[in-house]
Amino acid sequence: MQPRRLATHLNLQEFHSLKEELSQWRVNPQIQEMERERPGGIILGFVRGLRLSAKLIYAIREHLSPFDLQVDWGHLLTEDGNSCSPECDIIIHLPGHEREWNGHEHKIMDFKFINCRQAIAVISCKSFIRAVDRRYPSKLEPYVDKVFLFAECCEPNVVDRLKRSAESVGYAGFWYLYTCKQTTCECTVDPPQWEDFLHKLRSVVSEYIGRHR
């Protein structure tokens, strides 16, 4: 059992550190006051979203390292290249891409256009989530079979509702980094559902590779 516990700790290390980093910005009194004065006008919210998806990409790359795959931010193209999907926060795909924007040696951004034939799954990332984007899975349907939903945080009393809602509209599931009570700024983590997220990703990848051998 000891090796399995060590492997679990290593797999979840990135999730623990990311929760500590992002939750500090969410519960910081000065940031909260700024956002109350200018709701929706603080750039930090947008940057936090990018940080979440970027760090998740790093964690997923590590977790899927036994497979010959790539994990990127970008758009999916139809097989004929004539149509482009909505933005995809995270794309798990076979090696290769059609085009890379700003993918130079000293990168500022690393955004890729990937043919849908190469795509295995997409992960939509949200910041503080109250309701599921019910249209996103249908928008991705022409490009990829599996769409996951992962949020930085949500209120603890809405987790079950969000899970049911996500599954009912076609997501492969809903997971979150931590829950946060807005009234008390109390943050709680649930590492077993992080494990479930990684297990589901690996299962989807294994199934895809098994079908295409």
N, C-alpha and C. Protein backbone atom coordinates (compact mmCIF):
# COMPACT_ATOMS: atom_id res chain seq x y z
N MET A 1 0.81 -1.21 0.00
CA MET A 1 0.00 0.00 0.00
C MET A 1 0.85 1.27 0.00
N GLN A 2 2.07 1.20 0.60
CA GLN A 2 2.89 2.40 0.72
C GLN A 2 3.20 3.05 -0.63
N PRO A 3 3.61 2.27 -1.68
CA PRO A 3 3.89 2.91 -2.97
C PRO A 3 2.67 3.63 -3.56
N ARG A 4 1.47 3.03 -3.34
CA ARG A 4 0.29 3.68 -3.89
C ARG A 4 0.03 5.01 -3.20
N ARG A 5 0.23 5.08 -1.87
CA ARG A 5 0.03 6.33 -1.15
C ARG A 5 1.02 7.39 -1.60
N LEU A 6 2.26 6.98 -1.85
CA LEU A 6 3.27 7.91 -2.33
C LEU A 6 2.90 8.43 -3.72
N ALA A 7 2.45 7.55 -4.60
CA ALA A 7 2.05 7.97 -5.94
C ALA A 7 0.88 8.94 -5.89
N THR A 8 -0.08 8.66 -5.00
CA THR A 8 -1.23 9.55 -4.85
C THR A 8 -0.78 10.93 -4.39
N HIS A 9 0.12 10.96 -3.42
CA HIS A 9 0.63 12.24 -2.93
C HIS A 9 1.31 13.02 -4.05
N LEU A 10 2.10 12.35 -4.85
CA LEU A 10 2.79 13.02 -5.96
C LEU A 10 1.79 13.54 -6.99
N ASN A 11 0.76 12.74 -7.29
CA ASN A 11 -0.23 13.15 -8.29
C ASN A 11 -1.01 14.38 -7.85
N LEU A 12 -1.26 14.50 -6.55
CA LEU A 12 -2.11 15.59 -6.06
C LEU A 12 -1.32 16.80 -5.58
N GLN A 13 -0.02 16.73 -5.62
CA GLN A 13 0.81 17.83 -5.12
C GLN A 13 0.50 19.14 -5.82
N GLU A 14 0.34 19.09 -7.14
CA GLU A 14 0.06 20.30 -7.91
C GLU A 14 -1.30 20.90 -7.52
N PHE A 15 -2.27 20.06 -7.21
CA PHE A 15 -3.60 20.54 -6.83
C PHE A 15 -3.55 21.26 -5.47
N HIS A 16 -2.80 20.69 -4.53
CA HIS A 16 -2.68 21.33 -3.22
C HIS A 16 -2.02 22.70 -3.33
N SER A 17 -0.93 22.78 -4.08
CA SER A 17 -0.21 24.06 -4.19
C SER A 17 -1.04 25.09 -4.94
N LEU A 18 -1.77 24.66 -5.97
CA LEU A 18 -2.59 25.59 -6.73
C LEU A 18 -3.76 26.11 -5.89
N LYS A 19 -4.34 25.24 -5.07
CA LYS A 19 -5.42 25.68 -4.18
C LYS A 19 -4.90 26.76 -3.23
N GLU A 20 -3.73 26.54 -2.63
CA GLU A 20 -3.17 27.52 -1.70
C GLU A 20 -2.92 28.85 -2.40
N GLU A 21 -2.42 28.78 -3.62
CA GLU A 21 -2.10 30.01 -4.37
C GLU A 21 -3.36 30.79 -4.73
N LEU A 22 -4.33 30.14 -5.35
CA LEU A 22 -5.51 30.84 -5.86
C LEU A 22 -6.46 31.27 -4.75
N SER A 23 -6.62 30.44 -3.72
CA SER A 23 -7.57 30.79 -2.66
C SER A 23 -7.12 32.03 -1.89
N GLN A 24 -5.82 32.28 -1.80
CA GLN A 24 -5.35 33.48 -1.13
C GLN A 24 -5.85 34.74 -1.82
N TRP A 25 -5.90 34.71 -3.15
CA TRP A 25 -6.42 35.86 -3.89
C TRP A 25 -7.92 36.01 -3.71
N ARG A 26 -8.61 34.90 -3.53
CA ARG A 26 -10.07 34.95 -3.42
C ARG A 26 -10.51 35.44 -2.04
N VAL A 27 -9.78 35.11 -0.99
CA VAL A 27 -10.21 35.47 0.36
C VAL A 27 -9.48 36.68 0.91
N ASN A 28 -8.56 37.24 0.14
CA ASN A 28 -7.81 38.41 0.61
C ASN A 28 -8.76 39.60 0.78
N PRO A 29 -8.83 40.24 1.96
CA PRO A 29 -9.78 41.33 2.21
C PRO A 29 -9.61 42.51 1.26
N GLN A 30 -8.37 42.85 0.92
CA GLN A 30 -8.15 43.99 0.01
C GLN A 30 -8.69 43.70 -1.38
N ILE A 31 -8.45 42.49 -1.87
CA ILE A 31 -8.96 42.12 -3.20
C ILE A 31 -10.48 42.09 -3.18
N GLN A 32 -11.05 41.56 -2.11
CA GLN A 32 -12.51 41.52 -1.99
C GLN A 32 -13.10 42.93 -2.03
N GLU A 33 -12.47 43.86 -1.34
CA GLU A 33 -12.96 45.24 -1.31
C GLU A 33 -12.86 45.87 -2.70
N MET A 34 -11.75 45.64 -3.40
CA MET A 34 -11.59 46.16 -4.76
C MET A 34 -12.69 45.62 -5.68
N GLU A 35 -13.01 44.33 -5.55
CA GLU A 35 -14.00 43.73 -6.43
C GLU A 35 -15.41 44.19 -6.08
N ARG A 36 -15.65 44.53 -4.81
CA ARG A 36 -16.96 45.08 -4.44
C ARG A 36 -17.13 46.48 -5.03
N GLU A 37 -16.04 47.25 -5.06
CA GLU A 37 -16.12 48.61 -5.58
C GLU A 37 -16.25 48.63 -7.10
N ARG A 38 -15.61 47.68 -7.76
CA ARG A 38 -15.66 47.61 -9.22
C ARG A 38 -15.94 46.18 -9.66
N PRO A 39 -17.18 45.70 -9.50
CA PRO A 39 -17.50 44.31 -9.85
C PRO A 39 -17.20 44.03 -11.32
N GLY A 40 -16.46 42.96 -11.55
CA GLY A 40 -16.14 42.56 -12.92
C GLY A 40 -15.07 43.40 -13.56
N GLY A 41 -14.53 44.39 -12.84
CA GLY A 41 -13.55 45.28 -13.45
C GLY A 41 -12.13 45.04 -13.01
N ILE A 42 -11.89 43.98 -12.27
CA ILE A 42 -10.56 43.68 -11.79
C ILE A 42 -9.92 42.64 -12.70
N ILE A 43 -8.79 42.98 -13.31
CA ILE A 43 -8.14 42.08 -14.24
C ILE A 43 -7.67 40.80 -13.56
N LEU A 44 -7.49 40.85 -12.23
CA LEU A 44 -7.00 39.67 -11.53
C LEU A 44 -7.90 38.46 -11.75
N GLY A 45 -9.19 38.66 -11.89
CA GLY A 45 -10.09 37.53 -12.12
C GLY A 45 -9.75 36.80 -13.40
N PHE A 46 -9.50 37.55 -14.47
CA PHE A 46 -9.14 36.95 -15.74
C PHE A 46 -7.79 36.24 -15.65
N VAL A 47 -6.84 36.87 -14.99
CA VAL A 47 -5.51 36.28 -14.87
C VAL A 47 -5.56 35.01 -14.02
N ARG A 48 -6.39 35.02 -12.97
CA ARG A 48 -6.53 33.82 -12.15
C ARG A 48 -7.05 32.66 -12.99
N GLY A 49 -7.99 32.96 -13.90
CA GLY A 49 -8.51 31.91 -14.77
C GLY A 49 -7.44 31.31 -15.65
N LEU A 50 -6.59 32.17 -16.21
CA LEU A 50 -5.48 31.68 -17.02
C LEU A 50 -4.51 30.86 -16.19
N ARG A 51 -4.27 31.32 -14.97
CA ARG A 51 -3.35 30.61 -14.09
C ARG A 51 -3.88 29.21 -13.77
N LEU A 52 -5.19 29.13 -13.50
CA LEU A 52 -5.81 27.84 -13.21
C LEU A 52 -5.61 26.87 -14.36
N SER A 53 -5.96 27.29 -15.57
CA SER A 53 -5.87 26.37 -16.71
C SER A 53 -4.41 26.02 -17.03
N ALA A 54 -3.51 26.99 -16.89
CA ALA A 54 -2.10 26.73 -17.17
C ALA A 54 -1.52 25.71 -16.20
N LYS A 55 -1.80 25.89 -14.90
CA LYS A 55 -1.27 24.95 -13.92
C LYS A 55 -1.91 23.57 -14.06
N LEU A 56 -3.19 23.54 -14.44
CA LEU A 56 -3.82 22.24 -14.70
C LEU A 56 -3.17 21.54 -15.89
N ILE A 57 -2.82 22.31 -16.91
CA ILE A 57 -2.12 21.72 -18.06
C ILE A 57 -0.82 21.07 -17.60
N TYR A 58 -0.05 21.76 -16.75
CA TYR A 58 1.20 21.18 -16.26
C TYR A 58 0.94 19.88 -15.49
N ALA A 59 -0.09 19.90 -14.62
CA ALA A 59 -0.39 18.72 -13.81
C ALA A 59 -0.84 17.55 -14.68
N ILE A 60 -1.67 17.84 -15.69
CA ILE A 60 -2.18 16.77 -16.56
C ILE A 60 -1.06 16.21 -17.44
N ARG A 61 -0.15 17.07 -17.89
CA ARG A 61 0.99 16.58 -18.66
C ARG A 61 1.79 15.57 -17.84
N GLU A 62 2.00 15.89 -16.56
CA GLU A 62 2.72 14.96 -15.69
C GLU A 62 1.94 13.66 -15.54
N HIS A 63 0.65 13.77 -15.29
CA HIS A 63 -0.16 12.58 -15.03
C HIS A 63 -0.25 11.68 -16.24
N LEU A 64 -0.29 12.27 -17.43
CA LEU A 64 -0.43 11.48 -18.66
C LEU A 64 0.92 11.23 -19.34
N SER A 65 2.00 11.47 -18.62
CA SER A 65 3.34 11.32 -19.22
C SER A 65 3.62 9.90 -19.73
N PRO A 66 3.02 8.84 -19.18
CA PRO A 66 3.27 7.51 -19.76
C PRO A 66 2.72 7.35 -21.18
N PHE A 67 1.80 8.24 -21.58
CA PHE A 67 1.23 8.18 -22.91
C PHE A 67 1.94 9.19 -23.82
N ASP A 68 1.98 8.88 -25.09
CA ASP A 68 2.60 9.80 -26.06
C ASP A 68 1.56 10.82 -26.52
N LEU A 69 1.26 11.78 -25.63
CA LEU A 69 0.21 12.76 -25.89
C LEU A 69 0.71 14.17 -25.59
N GLN A 70 -0.09 15.15 -26.03
CA GLN A 70 0.19 16.54 -25.71
C GLN A 70 -1.04 17.17 -25.07
N VAL A 71 -0.80 18.19 -24.25
CA VAL A 71 -1.88 18.90 -23.55
C VAL A 71 -1.64 20.39 -23.75
N ASP A 72 -2.61 21.08 -24.37
CA ASP A 72 -2.41 22.46 -24.77
C ASP A 72 -3.68 23.30 -24.64
N TRP A 73 -3.49 24.61 -24.78
CA TRP A 73 -4.56 25.60 -24.88
C TRP A 73 -4.75 25.93 -26.35
N GLY A 74 -6.00 26.04 -26.83
CA GLY A 74 -6.14 26.39 -28.23
C GLY A 74 -7.55 26.24 -28.79
N HIS A 75 -7.59 26.08 -30.12
CA HIS A 75 -8.83 25.85 -30.87
C HIS A 75 -8.73 24.49 -31.56
N LEU A 76 -9.88 23.87 -31.77
CA LEU A 76 -9.96 22.68 -32.60
C LEU A 76 -10.49 23.05 -33.97
N LEU A 77 -9.92 22.45 -35.00
CA LEU A 77 -10.38 22.65 -36.37
C LEU A 77 -11.13 21.41 -36.84
N THR A 78 -12.11 21.61 -37.70
CA THR A 78 -12.76 20.46 -38.32
C THR A 78 -11.75 19.73 -39.20
N GLU A 79 -12.08 18.51 -39.59
CA GLU A 79 -11.14 17.71 -40.37
C GLU A 79 -10.71 18.41 -41.65
N ASP A 80 -11.64 19.14 -42.29
CA ASP A 80 -11.28 19.84 -43.53
C ASP A 80 -10.65 21.20 -43.26
N GLY A 81 -10.59 21.60 -41.99
CA GLY A 81 -9.96 22.87 -41.63
C GLY A 81 -10.79 24.09 -41.92
N ASN A 82 -12.06 23.93 -42.25
CA ASN A 82 -12.89 25.07 -42.64
C ASN A 82 -13.63 25.72 -41.48
N SER A 83 -13.63 25.09 -40.32
CA SER A 83 -14.38 25.63 -39.19
C SER A 83 -13.57 25.47 -37.92
N CYS A 84 -13.79 26.41 -36.99
CA CYS A 84 -13.00 26.45 -35.76
C CYS A 84 -13.92 26.38 -34.55
N SER A 85 -13.53 25.61 -33.56
CA SER A 85 -14.32 25.46 -32.34
C SER A 85 -14.22 26.72 -31.48
N PRO A 86 -15.08 26.84 -30.45
CA PRO A 86 -14.84 27.86 -29.43
C PRO A 86 -13.48 27.62 -28.76
N GLU A 87 -13.00 28.61 -28.04
CA GLU A 87 -11.74 28.46 -27.33
C GLU A 87 -11.81 27.27 -26.37
N CYS A 88 -10.74 26.49 -26.34
CA CYS A 88 -10.65 25.34 -25.45
C CYS A 88 -9.54 25.59 -24.44
N ASP A 89 -9.89 25.69 -23.17
CA ASP A 89 -8.90 25.97 -22.14
C ASP A 89 -7.81 24.92 -22.11
N ILE A 90 -8.23 23.66 -22.23
CA ILE A 90 -7.27 22.54 -22.22
C ILE A 90 -7.71 21.51 -23.25
N ILE A 91 -6.78 21.12 -24.12
CA ILE A 91 -7.03 20.08 -25.12
C ILE A 91 -6.03 18.96 -24.90
N ILE A 92 -6.52 17.74 -24.73
CA ILE A 92 -5.66 16.56 -24.69
C ILE A 92 -5.70 15.95 -26.09
N HIS A 93 -4.54 15.81 -26.71
CA HIS A 93 -4.54 15.40 -28.12
C HIS A 93 -3.30 14.61 -28.48
N LEU A 94 -3.38 13.94 -29.62
CA LEU A 94 -2.23 13.25 -30.18
C LEU A 94 -1.18 14.29 -30.59
N PRO A 95 0.08 13.89 -30.70
CA PRO A 95 1.13 14.86 -31.03
C PRO A 95 0.88 15.55 -32.35
N GLY A 96 1.22 16.85 -32.38
CA GLY A 96 1.12 17.62 -33.60
C GLY A 96 0.04 18.68 -33.55
N HIS A 97 0.19 19.70 -34.40
CA HIS A 97 -0.79 20.78 -34.49
C HIS A 97 -0.69 21.41 -35.87
N GLU A 98 -1.75 22.12 -36.25
CA GLU A 98 -1.78 22.79 -37.55
C GLU A 98 -0.99 24.10 -37.52
N ARG A 99 -1.10 24.80 -36.40
CA ARG A 99 -0.46 26.11 -36.31
C ARG A 99 -0.30 26.47 -34.84
N GLU A 100 0.77 27.17 -34.50
CA GLU A 100 1.02 27.60 -33.13
C GLU A 100 1.22 29.12 -33.13
N TRP A 101 0.45 29.80 -32.31
CA TRP A 101 0.58 31.25 -32.20
C TRP A 101 1.56 31.60 -31.09
N ASN A 102 2.55 32.38 -31.44
CA ASN A 102 3.54 32.90 -30.49
C ASN A 102 4.30 31.79 -29.79
N GLY A 103 4.47 30.68 -30.45
CA GLY A 103 5.18 29.57 -29.84
C GLY A 103 6.67 29.63 -30.10
N HIS A 104 7.31 30.71 -29.71
CA HIS A 104 8.73 30.88 -29.95
C HIS A 104 9.54 30.43 -28.74
N GLU A 105 10.85 30.65 -28.80
CA GLU A 105 11.72 30.16 -27.72
C GLU A 105 11.36 30.81 -26.39
N HIS A 106 11.18 32.13 -26.39
CA HIS A 106 10.81 32.84 -25.16
C HIS A 106 9.32 33.17 -25.26
N LYS A 107 8.49 32.23 -24.82
CA LYS A 107 7.05 32.31 -25.06
C LYS A 107 6.35 33.28 -24.12
N ILE A 108 5.42 34.05 -24.69
CA ILE A 108 4.48 34.83 -23.89
C ILE A 108 3.16 34.08 -23.83
N MET A 109 2.76 33.53 -24.95
CA MET A 109 1.59 32.65 -25.00
C MET A 109 1.93 31.45 -25.85
N ASP A 110 1.17 30.40 -25.70
CA ASP A 110 1.41 29.17 -26.46
C ASP A 110 0.06 28.60 -26.83
N PHE A 111 -0.51 29.12 -27.91
CA PHE A 111 -1.88 28.81 -28.33
C PHE A 111 -1.82 28.01 -29.61
N LYS A 112 -2.50 26.86 -29.65
CA LYS A 112 -2.37 25.96 -30.79
C LYS A 112 -3.71 25.70 -31.48
N PHE A 113 -3.64 25.56 -32.79
CA PHE A 113 -4.77 25.13 -33.60
C PHE A 113 -4.55 23.65 -33.92
N ILE A 114 -5.49 22.81 -33.51
CA ILE A 114 -5.32 21.37 -33.56
C ILE A 114 -6.46 20.75 -34.34
N ASN A 115 -6.14 19.87 -35.29
CA ASN A 115 -7.19 19.18 -36.04
C ASN A 115 -7.97 18.26 -35.12
N CYS A 116 -9.28 18.25 -35.27
CA CYS A 116 -10.12 17.47 -34.36
C CYS A 116 -9.83 15.97 -34.44
N ARG A 117 -9.22 15.52 -35.54
CA ARG A 117 -8.85 14.11 -35.63
C ARG A 117 -7.83 13.72 -34.57
N GLN A 118 -7.08 14.73 -34.08
CA GLN A 118 -6.05 14.49 -33.07
C GLN A 118 -6.59 14.61 -31.65
N ALA A 119 -7.82 15.11 -31.49
CA ALA A 119 -8.33 15.45 -30.16
C ALA A 119 -8.91 14.25 -29.43
N ILE A 120 -8.60 14.14 -28.15
CA ILE A 120 -9.14 13.09 -27.30
C ILE A 120 -10.17 13.65 -26.33
N ALA A 121 -9.86 14.78 -25.71
CA ALA A 121 -10.77 15.39 -24.74
C ALA A 121 -10.46 16.87 -24.59
N VAL A 122 -11.46 17.61 -24.15
CA VAL A 122 -11.32 19.04 -23.84
C VAL A 122 -11.76 19.25 -22.40
N ILE A 123 -11.07 20.15 -21.70
CA ILE A 123 -11.44 20.51 -20.33
C ILE A 123 -11.77 21.99 -20.30
N SER A 124 -12.99 22.31 -19.93
CA SER A 124 -13.41 23.70 -19.77
C SER A 124 -13.15 24.12 -18.33
N CYS A 125 -12.41 25.21 -18.15
CA CYS A 125 -12.04 25.69 -16.82
C CYS A 125 -12.83 26.94 -16.46
N LYS A 126 -13.33 26.99 -15.24
CA LYS A 126 -14.08 28.13 -14.75
C LYS A 126 -13.46 28.63 -13.45
N SER A 127 -13.76 29.87 -13.11
CA SER A 127 -13.27 30.44 -11.87
C SER A 127 -14.25 30.11 -10.76
N PHE A 128 -15.03 31.07 -10.29
CA PHE A 128 -16.08 30.78 -9.30
C PHE A 128 -17.34 30.42 -10.08
N ILE A 129 -17.80 29.19 -9.97
CA ILE A 129 -18.90 28.72 -10.80
C ILE A 129 -20.19 28.64 -9.98
N ARG A 130 -21.25 29.21 -10.54
CA ARG A 130 -22.57 29.14 -9.91
C ARG A 130 -23.54 28.29 -10.74
N ALA A 131 -23.31 28.29 -12.06
CA ALA A 131 -24.18 27.53 -12.96
C ALA A 131 -23.34 27.00 -14.11
N VAL A 132 -23.80 25.91 -14.68
CA VAL A 132 -23.10 25.25 -15.78
C VAL A 132 -23.44 25.92 -17.11
N ASP A 133 -22.42 26.12 -17.95
CA ASP A 133 -22.65 26.58 -19.32
C ASP A 133 -23.26 25.41 -20.09
N ARG A 134 -24.55 25.46 -20.30
CA ARG A 134 -25.27 24.32 -20.86
C ARG A 134 -25.04 24.16 -22.37
N ARG A 135 -24.55 25.20 -23.03
CA ARG A 135 -24.38 25.13 -24.49
C ARG A 135 -23.00 24.67 -24.92
N TYR A 136 -22.02 24.76 -24.03
CA TYR A 136 -20.64 24.48 -24.44
C TYR A 136 -20.44 23.06 -24.97
N PRO A 137 -20.95 22.01 -24.31
CA PRO A 137 -20.73 20.66 -24.86
C PRO A 137 -21.29 20.49 -26.27
N SER A 138 -22.46 21.09 -26.54
CA SER A 138 -23.03 20.96 -27.89
C SER A 138 -22.20 21.72 -28.92
N LYS A 139 -21.58 22.82 -28.52
CA LYS A 139 -20.71 23.56 -29.43
C LYS A 139 -19.45 22.77 -29.77
N LEU A 140 -19.01 21.94 -28.83
CA LEU A 140 -17.81 21.12 -29.05
C LEU A 140 -18.11 19.79 -29.72
N GLU A 141 -19.38 19.43 -29.81
CA GLU A 141 -19.78 18.12 -30.31
C GLU A 141 -19.21 17.80 -31.69
N PRO A 142 -19.12 18.77 -32.64
CA PRO A 142 -18.55 18.42 -33.95
C PRO A 142 -17.05 18.14 -33.92
N TYR A 143 -16.40 18.43 -32.78
CA TYR A 143 -14.94 18.37 -32.74
C TYR A 143 -14.38 17.28 -31.83
N VAL A 144 -15.08 16.96 -30.74
CA VAL A 144 -14.52 16.03 -29.76
C VAL A 144 -15.65 15.37 -28.98
N ASP A 145 -15.41 14.13 -28.54
CA ASP A 145 -16.45 13.37 -27.84
C ASP A 145 -16.55 13.73 -26.36
N LYS A 146 -15.41 13.96 -25.70
CA LYS A 146 -15.38 14.12 -24.25
C LYS A 146 -15.05 15.56 -23.87
N VAL A 147 -15.94 16.15 -23.06
CA VAL A 147 -15.72 17.51 -22.54
C VAL A 147 -15.87 17.47 -21.03
N PHE A 148 -14.82 17.82 -20.32
CA PHE A 148 -14.81 17.86 -18.87
C PHE A 148 -15.03 19.30 -18.40
N LEU A 149 -15.53 19.44 -17.18
CA LEU A 149 -15.72 20.76 -16.57
C LEU A 149 -14.99 20.79 -15.24
N PHE A 150 -14.06 21.76 -15.11
CA PHE A 150 -13.26 21.88 -13.88
C PHE A 150 -13.27 23.34 -13.45
N ALA A 151 -13.63 23.57 -12.18
CA ALA A 151 -13.72 24.93 -11.65
C ALA A 151 -12.69 25.16 -10.56
N GLU A 152 -12.28 26.42 -10.43
CA GLU A 152 -11.44 26.76 -9.28
C GLU A 152 -12.22 26.51 -8.00
N CYS A 153 -13.44 27.06 -7.90
CA CYS A 153 -14.20 26.85 -6.68
C CYS A 153 -15.69 27.10 -6.91
N CYS A 154 -16.47 26.71 -5.90
CA CYS A 154 -17.91 26.93 -5.89
C CYS A 154 -18.36 26.88 -4.44
N GLU A 155 -19.60 27.27 -4.20
CA GLU A 155 -20.17 27.13 -2.86
C GLU A 155 -20.34 25.64 -2.55
N PRO A 156 -20.07 25.22 -1.30
CA PRO A 156 -20.16 23.78 -0.99
C PRO A 156 -21.55 23.19 -1.17
N ASN A 157 -22.58 24.01 -1.01
CA ASN A 157 -23.94 23.46 -1.09
C ASN A 157 -24.45 23.29 -2.51
N VAL A 158 -23.65 23.65 -3.53
CA VAL A 158 -24.11 23.51 -4.91
C VAL A 158 -23.36 22.41 -5.68
N VAL A 159 -22.44 21.73 -5.02
CA VAL A 159 -21.61 20.74 -5.71
C VAL A 159 -22.46 19.67 -6.38
N ASP A 160 -23.36 19.07 -5.64
CA ASP A 160 -24.19 17.99 -6.20
C ASP A 160 -25.05 18.50 -7.35
N ARG A 161 -25.60 19.70 -7.21
CA ARG A 161 -26.43 20.26 -8.29
C ARG A 161 -25.60 20.49 -9.55
N LEU A 162 -24.39 21.01 -9.39
CA LEU A 162 -23.53 21.27 -10.54
C LEU A 162 -23.12 19.97 -11.22
N LYS A 163 -22.85 18.95 -10.43
CA LYS A 163 -22.49 17.65 -11.01
C LYS A 163 -23.65 17.10 -11.85
N ARG A 164 -24.85 17.15 -11.29
CA ARG A 164 -26.02 16.64 -12.03
C ARG A 164 -26.26 17.47 -13.29
N SER A 165 -26.17 18.77 -13.16
CA SER A 165 -26.41 19.66 -14.31
C SER A 165 -25.38 19.42 -15.41
N ALA A 166 -24.11 19.28 -15.02
CA ALA A 166 -23.04 19.07 -16.01
C ALA A 166 -23.27 17.77 -16.79
N GLU A 167 -23.57 16.71 -16.07
CA GLU A 167 -23.77 15.42 -16.72
C GLU A 167 -25.02 15.43 -17.61
N SER A 168 -26.05 16.18 -17.19
CA SER A 168 -27.30 16.18 -17.95
C SER A 168 -27.17 16.87 -19.30
N VAL A 169 -26.20 17.78 -19.44
CA VAL A 169 -26.04 18.49 -20.72
C VAL A 169 -24.87 17.99 -21.54
N GLY A 170 -24.22 16.91 -21.08
CA GLY A 170 -23.23 16.26 -21.93
C GLY A 170 -21.79 16.35 -21.50
N TYR A 171 -21.49 17.00 -20.36
CA TYR A 171 -20.11 16.98 -19.87
C TYR A 171 -19.77 15.58 -19.36
N ALA A 172 -18.50 15.24 -19.41
CA ALA A 172 -18.05 13.95 -18.88
C ALA A 172 -18.00 13.97 -17.36
N GLY A 173 -18.22 15.12 -16.76
CA GLY A 173 -18.25 15.24 -15.31
C GLY A 173 -17.86 16.64 -14.88
N PHE A 174 -18.05 16.92 -13.58
CA PHE A 174 -17.68 18.21 -12.99
C PHE A 174 -16.79 17.98 -11.78
N TRP A 175 -15.69 18.73 -11.70
CA TRP A 175 -14.77 18.66 -10.58
C TRP A 175 -14.36 20.09 -10.21
N TYR A 176 -13.75 20.25 -9.04
CA TYR A 176 -13.38 21.59 -8.57
C TYR A 176 -12.12 21.51 -7.71
N LEU A 177 -11.44 22.64 -7.60
CA LEU A 177 -10.21 22.70 -6.81
C LEU A 177 -10.51 22.78 -5.32
N TYR A 178 -11.50 23.62 -4.96
CA TYR A 178 -11.92 23.73 -3.56
C TYR A 178 -13.30 24.37 -3.52
N THR A 179 -13.98 24.23 -2.37
CA THR A 179 -15.23 24.95 -2.17
C THR A 179 -14.94 26.16 -1.28
N CYS A 180 -15.76 27.19 -1.42
CA CYS A 180 -15.53 28.42 -0.65
C CYS A 180 -16.88 29.04 -0.29
N LYS A 181 -17.13 29.19 1.00
CA LYS A 181 -18.32 29.89 1.46
C LYS A 181 -18.07 31.39 1.36
N GLN A 182 -18.83 32.07 0.51
CA GLN A 182 -18.60 33.49 0.30
C GLN A 182 -18.86 34.31 1.56
N THR A 183 -19.76 33.86 2.41
CA THR A 183 -20.09 34.64 3.60
C THR A 183 -18.98 34.61 4.65
N THR A 184 -18.27 33.47 4.73
CA THR A 184 -17.24 33.32 5.76
C THR A 184 -15.83 33.18 5.18
N CYS A 185 -15.71 33.07 3.86
CA CYS A 185 -14.42 32.84 3.18
C CYS A 185 -13.74 31.57 3.69
N GLU A 186 -14.55 30.59 4.05
CA GLU A 186 -14.02 29.31 4.51
C GLU A 186 -13.82 28.39 3.31
N CYS A 187 -12.57 27.96 3.10
CA CYS A 187 -12.23 27.13 1.94
C CYS A 187 -11.99 25.68 2.37
N THR A 188 -12.52 24.74 1.59
CA THR A 188 -12.40 23.32 1.91
C THR A 188 -11.99 22.55 0.66
N VAL A 189 -11.11 21.58 0.83
CA VAL A 189 -10.68 20.75 -0.29
C VAL A 189 -11.23 19.34 -0.13
N ASP A 190 -11.31 18.63 -1.24
CA ASP A 190 -11.78 17.24 -1.26
C ASP A 190 -10.86 16.44 -2.18
N PRO A 191 -9.66 16.06 -1.69
CA PRO A 191 -8.68 15.37 -2.54
C PRO A 191 -9.20 14.13 -3.26
N PRO A 192 -10.11 13.33 -2.67
CA PRO A 192 -10.61 12.16 -3.43
C PRO A 192 -11.24 12.53 -4.76
N GLN A 193 -11.89 13.72 -4.86
CA GLN A 193 -12.48 14.05 -6.16
C GLN A 193 -11.40 14.55 -7.14
N TRP A 194 -10.25 15.03 -6.63
CA TRP A 194 -9.11 15.29 -7.52
C TRP A 194 -8.62 13.96 -8.11
N GLU A 195 -8.52 12.96 -7.22
CA GLU A 195 -8.11 11.63 -7.69
C GLU A 195 -9.09 11.10 -8.73
N ASP A 196 -10.37 11.31 -8.49
CA ASP A 196 -11.40 10.85 -9.42
C ASP A 196 -11.24 11.54 -10.77
N PHE A 197 -10.94 12.84 -10.75
CA PHE A 197 -10.71 13.59 -11.99
C PHE A 197 -9.56 12.99 -12.79
N LEU A 198 -8.43 12.76 -12.13
CA LEU A 198 -7.27 12.20 -12.82
C LEU A 198 -7.55 10.78 -13.30
N HIS A 199 -8.27 10.00 -12.48
CA HIS A 199 -8.62 8.63 -12.89
C HIS A 199 -9.50 8.65 -14.12
N LYS A 200 -10.48 9.57 -14.17
CA LYS A 200 -11.38 9.64 -15.32
C LYS A 200 -10.61 10.06 -16.58
N LEU A 201 -9.68 11.00 -16.44
CA LEU A 201 -8.87 11.41 -17.59
C LEU A 201 -8.07 10.22 -18.13
N ARG A 202 -7.44 9.52 -17.22
CA ARG A 202 -6.62 8.39 -17.64
C ARG A 202 -7.48 7.30 -18.28
N SER A 203 -8.67 7.10 -17.74
CA SER A 203 -9.58 6.10 -18.30
C SER A 203 -10.00 6.47 -19.72
N VAL A 204 -10.33 7.74 -19.94
CA VAL A 204 -10.73 8.20 -21.27
C VAL A 204 -9.59 8.04 -22.26
N VAL A 205 -8.39 8.41 -21.83
CA VAL A 205 -7.21 8.29 -22.70
C VAL A 205 -6.93 6.83 -23.03
N SER A 206 -6.97 5.96 -22.03
CA SER A 206 -6.71 4.54 -22.25
C SER A 206 -7.73 3.93 -23.21
N GLU A 207 -9.00 4.32 -23.02
CA GLU A 207 -10.05 3.82 -23.90
C GLU A 207 -9.84 4.29 -25.34
N TYR A 208 -9.47 5.56 -25.51
CA TYR A 208 -9.22 6.11 -26.85
C TYR A 208 -8.06 5.37 -27.53
N ILE A 209 -6.99 5.22 -26.81
CA ILE A 209 -5.81 4.56 -27.39
C ILE A 209 -6.13 3.10 -27.73
N GLY A 210 -6.90 2.43 -26.84
CA GLY A 210 -7.30 1.05 -27.12
C GLY A 210 -8.13 0.92 -28.37
N ARG A 211 -9.00 1.91 -28.63
CA ARG A 211 -9.85 1.86 -29.84
C ARG A 211 -9.08 2.14 -31.11
N HIS A 212 -7.98 2.89 -31.01
CA HIS A 212 -7.29 3.34 -32.22
C HIS A 212 -5.96 2.62 -32.46
N ARG A 213 -5.74 1.54 -31.76
CA ARG A 213 -4.53 0.77 -32.03
C ARG A 213 -4.65 0.00 -33.33
